[in-house]
Amino acid sequence: MGKRHLLLGAALLSIGVTPALLLAADAPAKPMQIWRNAPQLNQAEKAPIIAATNAGRRVVAVGDYGIIILSDDGKHFRQAKLVPTRAVLTSVYFIDDQRGWVVGHDGTVLTSGDGGETWQLLREEPGKERVLLSLWFENAQHGMVVGQFGLTLETEDGGKTWKERRLVDGEVGEKHFMSLFAGKDGLLLVAAESGTMLRSEDSGRNWKAVQTDNRGSFWTGMVLADGAVVAAGMRGHVYRSEDRGLSWKEIPTGTQQSITAISQKADASLRLIGNAGTNLTSRDSGRSFVAANRSDRANLTALAVGAAGDLLFTLSGVVEEGK
């Protein structure tokens, strides 16, 4: 169904991750607990990661089997103490250095109030195969989650209860919603399959669809510091908007590898990463890109800014810069 399934499929072929392999040799547990909580790893830096973000200066990364890892210095990694799920985790969002949420497969939503050290299960739908792919919180109470086939959930109480919504009518409203991201003054956007963008000007209360000329799916997006919007995804396609997502222009990238994550540094430079070690950089707010590839051709899944520089993640774990 797109980015996360492609990445997880690649993981099974390339690293053969199984719960038995992930369990630490010195981590005894009761039989029922083993299958309820995320398995403990011998090496947290080798965790299969799908998404990452910052909780203050801390990096929090999430992935397969309910695994969540943390780093405070960008060099050393440890696993969250308690994660009460083994669902595939696909997205993580923090509103400050303490309060955050994670979503994933089986309609799973988790929350943390201690910077990601421990997590509580807010909701799950085991066996229903309802995949949540991205989330955003306006504040500690109001948040939204999007996923496959237009699945959208909204909360007004910090995730204690959720209401299912339909953002737009027709076939567009049933497309896979891949990435939910926000800008200033109530701007909220959803990057979706088939080159579709959904936009809201009132923090998600009302929505309209915008169809770009991109035939592939958007997997990720970001509103930049200067207000421009960049969206990227399959086959290296990158689109840019200067009018808050109303109209879009394709930007040449020099690659046909799919893009999985976007990050902007304090100096306003832009970095996009993706499959086969793809690395795109821009110093003009996404108007042009310089393409490069890692020599190891690693499929990069997530990107976060650590205390010692950018952190790059794959389904085989953390990888070094400059490879």
Protein backbone atom coordinates (compact mmCIF):
# COMPACT_ATOMS: atom_id res chain seq x y z
CA MET A 1 0.00 0.00 0.00
CA GLY A 2 2.95 2.35 -0.34
CA LYS A 3 5.92 3.53 1.62
CA ARG A 4 5.68 1.58 4.86
CA HIS A 5 4.65 -1.71 3.27
CA LEU A 6 7.40 -1.44 0.66
CA LEU A 7 9.95 -0.74 3.36
CA LEU A 8 8.80 -3.56 5.59
CA GLY A 9 8.76 -5.96 2.65
CA ALA A 10 12.33 -5.01 1.88
CA ALA A 11 13.24 -5.61 5.51
CA LEU A 12 11.94 -9.15 5.49
CA LEU A 13 13.98 -9.92 2.40
CA SER A 14 17.15 -8.15 3.45
CA ILE A 15 17.48 -8.70 7.20
CA GLY A 16 14.94 -11.38 8.03
CA VAL A 17 13.83 -9.72 11.26
CA THR A 18 11.70 -11.92 13.49
CA PRO A 19 10.53 -11.44 17.08
CA ALA A 20 12.77 -14.30 18.17
CA LEU A 21 15.84 -12.59 16.73
CA LEU A 22 14.91 -9.28 18.32
CA LEU A 23 14.54 -10.63 21.84
CA ALA A 24 17.55 -10.03 24.05
CA ALA A 25 19.16 -13.16 25.37
CA ASP A 26 19.02 -11.85 28.94
CA ALA A 27 15.43 -10.58 28.87
CA PRO A 28 13.19 -13.23 30.47
CA ALA A 29 9.47 -12.49 30.45
CA LYS A 30 6.21 -14.18 31.17
CA PRO A 31 4.68 -15.88 28.09
CA MET A 32 1.73 -13.47 27.81
CA GLN A 33 3.92 -10.40 28.35
CA ILE A 34 6.27 -11.42 25.55
CA TRP A 35 3.55 -11.03 22.97
CA ARG A 36 1.96 -7.96 24.56
CA ASN A 37 4.98 -5.67 24.96
CA ALA A 38 7.59 -4.73 22.39
CA PRO A 39 10.55 -7.17 22.39
CA GLN A 40 13.76 -6.03 24.02
CA LEU A 41 16.79 -5.66 21.77
CA ASN A 42 20.39 -6.58 22.35
CA GLN A 43 21.41 -3.49 20.35
CA ALA A 44 18.92 -0.63 20.14
CA GLU A 45 20.84 0.98 17.26
CA LYS A 46 19.95 -2.00 15.06
CA ALA A 47 16.19 -1.57 15.46
CA PRO A 48 14.07 -1.54 12.26
CA ILE A 49 12.99 2.11 12.14
CA ILE A 50 10.21 3.68 10.04
CA ALA A 51 9.83 7.20 11.49
CA ALA A 52 11.68 9.59 13.80
CA THR A 53 11.25 13.01 15.37
CA ASN A 54 12.58 15.27 18.10
CA ALA A 55 11.29 15.60 21.66
CA GLY A 56 13.25 18.69 22.58
CA ARG A 57 16.87 17.70 21.97
CA ARG A 58 16.07 14.01 22.27
CA VAL A 59 15.51 11.90 19.15
CA VAL A 60 12.64 9.41 19.32
CA ALA A 61 12.45 6.76 16.58
CA VAL A 62 9.75 4.12 16.04
CA GLY A 63 9.39 1.02 13.89
CA ASP A 64 8.47 -2.62 13.55
CA TYR A 65 7.27 -4.84 16.44
CA GLY A 66 6.35 -1.80 18.57
CA ILE A 67 9.98 -0.86 18.98
CA ILE A 68 10.83 2.69 20.12
CA ILE A 69 14.41 3.87 20.61
CA LEU A 70 15.80 7.08 22.10
CA SER A 71 19.01 9.09 21.84
CA ASP A 72 20.02 12.16 23.82
CA ASP A 73 23.48 12.67 22.33
CA GLY A 74 23.03 11.38 18.78
CA LYS A 75 25.63 8.69 19.37
CA HIS A 76 24.17 6.29 21.91
CA PHE A 77 20.76 4.64 21.70
CA ARG A 78 18.54 2.91 24.21
CA GLN A 79 15.12 1.33 24.03
CA ALA A 80 12.02 2.83 25.64
CA LYS A 81 11.35 1.12 28.95
CA LEU A 82 7.76 0.13 28.27
CA VAL A 83 5.86 -0.06 24.96
CA PRO A 84 2.63 -2.11 25.34
CA THR A 85 2.24 -3.23 21.73
CA ARG A 86 3.92 -5.25 18.99
CA ALA A 87 2.13 -3.46 16.19
CA VAL A 88 4.16 -1.86 13.40
CA LEU A 89 4.63 1.78 14.41
CA THR A 90 4.60 4.22 11.49
CA SER A 91 4.63 7.80 12.83
CA VAL A 92 5.64 9.76 15.93
CA TYR A 93 4.84 13.34 17.00
CA PHE A 94 5.83 15.42 20.06
CA ILE A 95 4.40 18.82 20.98
CA ASP A 96 7.24 19.49 23.46
CA ASP A 97 10.09 17.61 25.12
CA GLN A 98 7.73 15.47 27.22
CA ARG A 99 4.34 14.93 25.57
CA GLY A 100 4.06 12.80 22.44
CA TRP A 101 2.06 10.23 20.52
CA VAL A 102 2.77 7.29 18.20
CA VAL A 103 0.47 5.52 15.72
CA GLY A 104 0.69 2.36 13.66
CA HIS A 105 -0.99 -0.77 12.37
CA ASP A 106 -4.16 -2.27 13.91
CA GLY A 107 -5.42 1.25 14.66
CA THR A 108 -2.81 1.57 17.39
CA VAL A 109 -2.29 4.87 19.22
CA LEU A 110 0.18 5.29 22.10
CA THR A 111 1.07 8.30 24.23
CA SER A 112 4.02 9.32 26.41
CA GLY A 113 4.32 12.04 29.03
CA ASP A 114 7.98 11.52 29.89
CA GLY A 115 9.84 12.19 26.66
CA GLY A 116 9.29 8.71 25.26
CA GLU A 117 10.72 6.70 28.16
CA THR A 118 7.41 4.91 28.78
CA TRP A 119 4.20 4.63 26.76
CA GLN A 120 0.51 4.03 27.38
CA LEU A 121 -1.89 2.37 24.95
CA LEU A 122 -4.80 4.68 24.03
CA ARG A 123 -6.52 2.57 21.38
CA GLU A 124 -6.07 -0.49 19.16
CA GLU A 125 -8.14 -2.61 16.77
CA PRO A 126 -6.33 -5.95 16.59
CA GLY A 127 -7.17 -8.07 13.57
CA LYS A 128 -8.97 -5.32 11.64
CA GLU A 129 -5.90 -4.42 9.55
CA ARG A 130 -6.63 -0.69 9.78
CA VAL A 131 -3.34 1.08 9.24
CA LEU A 132 -2.64 4.53 10.68
CA LEU A 133 0.21 6.29 8.86
CA SER A 134 0.67 9.82 10.19
CA LEU A 135 -0.40 12.09 13.02
CA TRP A 136 -0.37 15.73 14.15
CA PHE A 137 -1.38 17.50 17.34
CA GLU A 138 -2.34 21.17 17.48
CA ASN A 139 -1.94 21.19 21.27
CA ALA A 140 -2.20 18.77 24.19
CA GLN A 141 -5.89 18.14 23.46
CA HIS A 142 -6.65 18.44 19.74
CA GLY A 143 -5.03 15.98 17.35
CA MET A 144 -5.64 14.08 14.10
CA VAL A 145 -4.45 10.80 12.63
CA VAL A 146 -4.69 9.66 8.98
CA GLY A 147 -4.11 6.36 7.22
CA GLN A 148 -5.14 3.87 4.56
CA PHE A 149 -8.32 4.25 2.49
CA GLY A 150 -8.96 7.75 3.86
CA LEU A 151 -9.08 6.58 7.46
CA THR A 152 -9.06 9.68 9.69
CA LEU A 153 -9.41 9.92 13.46
CA GLU A 154 -9.72 13.07 15.57
CA THR A 155 -9.43 13.66 19.31
CA GLU A 156 -10.31 16.65 21.48
CA ASP A 157 -9.08 15.17 24.77
CA GLY A 158 -5.47 14.26 24.15
CA GLY A 159 -6.27 10.85 22.68
CA LYS A 160 -8.52 9.41 25.39
CA THR A 161 -11.37 9.24 22.91
CA TRP A 162 -11.41 9.37 19.11
CA LYS A 163 -14.01 10.23 16.48
CA GLU A 164 -13.77 8.86 12.96
CA ARG A 165 -14.09 11.43 10.17
CA ARG A 166 -14.36 11.63 6.40
CA LEU A 167 -12.32 14.56 5.14
CA VAL A 168 -13.67 14.88 1.57
CA ASP A 169 -16.39 13.15 -0.42
CA GLY A 170 -15.99 10.82 -3.39
CA GLU A 171 -13.07 8.63 -4.41
CA VAL A 172 -10.53 11.17 -3.19
CA GLY A 173 -11.77 10.64 0.34
CA GLU A 174 -10.91 6.94 0.09
CA LYS A 175 -7.31 7.31 -1.04
CA HIS A 176 -4.41 6.38 1.20
CA PHE A 177 -3.44 9.39 3.31
CA MET A 178 0.33 9.07 3.77
CA SER A 179 1.56 12.16 5.63
CA LEU A 180 -0.14 14.84 7.75
CA PHE A 181 1.80 18.07 8.34
CA ALA A 182 1.08 21.64 9.43
CA GLY A 183 2.06 25.24 8.75
CA LYS A 184 1.17 28.59 10.29
CA ASP A 185 -2.25 30.18 10.74
CA GLY A 186 -4.25 26.95 10.72
CA LEU A 187 -2.71 25.44 7.59
CA LEU A 188 -2.86 21.63 7.62
CA LEU A 189 -2.02 19.37 4.68
CA VAL A 190 -2.33 15.69 3.84
CA ALA A 191 0.00 14.13 1.26
CA ALA A 192 -1.90 11.30 -0.40
CA GLU A 193 -1.64 8.72 -3.16
CA SER A 194 -2.05 9.50 -6.88
CA GLY A 195 -0.55 12.98 -6.57
CA THR A 196 -3.37 14.26 -4.37
CA MET A 197 -2.98 16.88 -1.64
CA LEU A 198 -5.66 17.73 0.88
CA ARG A 199 -5.56 21.12 2.59
CA SER A 200 -7.28 22.83 5.49
CA GLU A 201 -7.03 26.49 6.53
CA ASP A 202 -8.69 26.00 9.93
CA SER A 203 -6.59 23.34 11.69
CA GLY A 204 -8.43 20.42 10.13
CA ARG A 205 -12.06 21.37 10.57
CA ASN A 206 -12.76 21.79 6.85
CA TRP A 207 -10.90 20.26 3.91
CA LYS A 208 -10.54 20.56 0.14
CA ALA A 209 -8.61 18.35 -2.28
CA VAL A 210 -6.02 19.65 -4.73
CA GLN A 211 -4.93 17.41 -7.60
CA THR A 212 -1.38 17.86 -8.85
CA ASP A 213 -0.04 16.48 -12.14
CA ASN A 214 1.99 13.90 -10.21
CA ARG A 215 0.87 10.39 -11.13
CA GLY A 216 2.66 8.78 -8.22
CA SER A 217 1.95 8.96 -4.51
CA PHE A 218 3.25 11.58 -2.12
CA TRP A 219 4.87 9.96 0.90
CA THR A 220 6.04 12.97 2.90
CA GLY A 221 5.77 16.75 3.09
CA MET A 222 6.83 19.82 5.03
CA VAL A 223 5.94 23.49 5.37
CA LEU A 224 9.27 25.35 5.30
CA ALA A 225 10.38 28.23 7.48
CA ASP A 226 9.57 30.77 4.74
CA GLY A 227 6.06 29.36 4.21
CA ALA A 228 6.76 27.39 1.03
CA VAL A 229 5.51 23.80 0.98
CA VAL A 230 7.46 20.80 -0.31
CA ALA A 231 5.98 17.34 -0.93
CA ALA A 232 7.83 14.28 -2.18
CA GLY A 233 7.38 10.59 -2.76
CA MET A 234 7.49 7.87 -5.38
CA ARG A 235 10.11 7.83 -8.17
CA GLY A 236 11.92 10.89 -6.84
CA HIS A 237 9.10 13.33 -7.57
CA VAL A 238 9.28 16.55 -5.56
CA TYR A 239 6.64 19.29 -5.78
CA ARG A 240 6.73 22.79 -4.35
CA SER A 241 3.99 25.32 -3.56
CA GLU A 242 4.33 29.03 -2.83
CA ASP A 243 0.63 29.64 -2.08
CA ARG A 244 0.00 27.37 0.93
CA GLY A 245 -0.71 24.30 -1.17
CA LEU A 246 -3.23 25.76 -3.63
CA SER A 247 -1.00 25.17 -6.67
CA TRP A 248 2.08 23.01 -7.19
CA LYS A 249 5.12 22.90 -9.45
CA GLU A 250 7.37 19.88 -9.97
CA ILE A 251 11.04 20.44 -9.13
CA PRO A 252 13.69 18.36 -10.97
CA THR A 253 15.67 16.15 -8.58
CA GLY A 254 17.99 14.07 -10.75
CA THR A 255 16.80 10.82 -9.17
CA GLN A 256 14.07 8.26 -9.73
CA GLN A 257 14.43 6.78 -6.26
CA SER A 258 11.49 7.30 -3.93
CA ILE A 259 11.75 9.93 -1.19
CA THR A 260 10.88 8.93 2.38
CA ALA A 261 11.66 11.90 4.65
CA ILE A 262 12.30 15.68 4.69
CA SER A 263 14.16 17.86 7.18
CA GLN A 264 15.06 21.55 7.34
CA LYS A 265 18.06 22.78 9.34
CA ALA A 266 18.41 25.96 11.36
CA ASP A 267 20.28 27.56 8.43
CA ALA A 268 17.15 26.93 6.26
CA SER A 269 18.90 24.30 4.10
CA LEU A 270 16.68 21.42 3.09
CA ARG A 271 17.47 17.70 3.05
CA LEU A 272 15.47 14.86 1.53
CA ILE A 273 16.41 11.18 1.84
CA GLY A 274 15.11 8.00 0.28
CA ASN A 275 15.66 4.59 -1.25
CA ALA A 276 19.04 3.37 -2.52
CA GLY A 277 20.90 5.90 -0.37
CA THR A 278 19.30 8.90 -2.07
CA ASN A 279 20.25 12.26 -0.59
CA LEU A 280 18.88 15.55 -1.97
CA THR A 281 19.95 18.94 -0.65
CA SER A 282 18.65 22.44 -1.34
CA ARG A 283 19.84 25.87 -0.22
CA ASP A 284 17.17 27.89 -2.00
CA SER A 285 14.00 26.76 -0.21
CA GLY A 286 13.44 23.76 -2.47
CA ARG A 287 13.62 25.61 -5.79
CA SER A 288 16.49 23.34 -6.86
CA PHE A 289 18.24 20.24 -5.54
CA VAL A 290 21.64 18.62 -5.66
CA ALA A 291 21.44 14.82 -5.75
CA ALA A 292 23.90 12.34 -4.26
CA ASN A 293 23.85 8.69 -3.23
CA ARG A 294 25.41 6.79 -0.39
CA SER A 295 27.95 4.23 -1.52
CA ASP A 296 26.19 1.52 0.50
CA ARG A 297 22.87 2.28 -1.30
CA ALA A 298 21.00 1.86 1.99
CA ASN A 299 17.24 2.35 1.87
CA LEU A 300 16.84 5.34 4.19
CA THR A 301 13.53 5.43 6.06
CA ALA A 302 13.75 8.30 8.56
CA LEU A 303 15.73 11.42 9.36
CA ALA A 304 16.06 13.44 12.57
CA VAL A 305 18.34 16.16 13.88
CA GLY A 306 20.46 14.85 16.73
CA ALA A 307 22.75 16.63 19.18
CA ALA A 308 25.77 15.73 17.02
CA GLY A 309 24.13 16.23 13.60
CA ASP A 310 21.62 14.42 11.41
CA LEU A 311 20.63 10.87 12.31
CA LEU A 312 19.74 8.51 9.47
CA PHE A 313 17.63 5.39 9.97
CA THR A 314 16.88 2.24 7.97
CA LEU A 315 15.05 -1.02 8.54
CA SER A 316 18.42 -2.39 9.64
CA GLY A 317 18.95 0.36 12.21
CA VAL A 318 20.98 3.58 12.43
CA VAL A 319 23.51 4.21 9.66
CA GLU A 320 26.51 6.54 9.68
CA GLU A 321 26.70 9.76 7.71
CA GLY A 322 29.07 9.92 4.77
CA LYS A 323 28.80 6.33 3.60
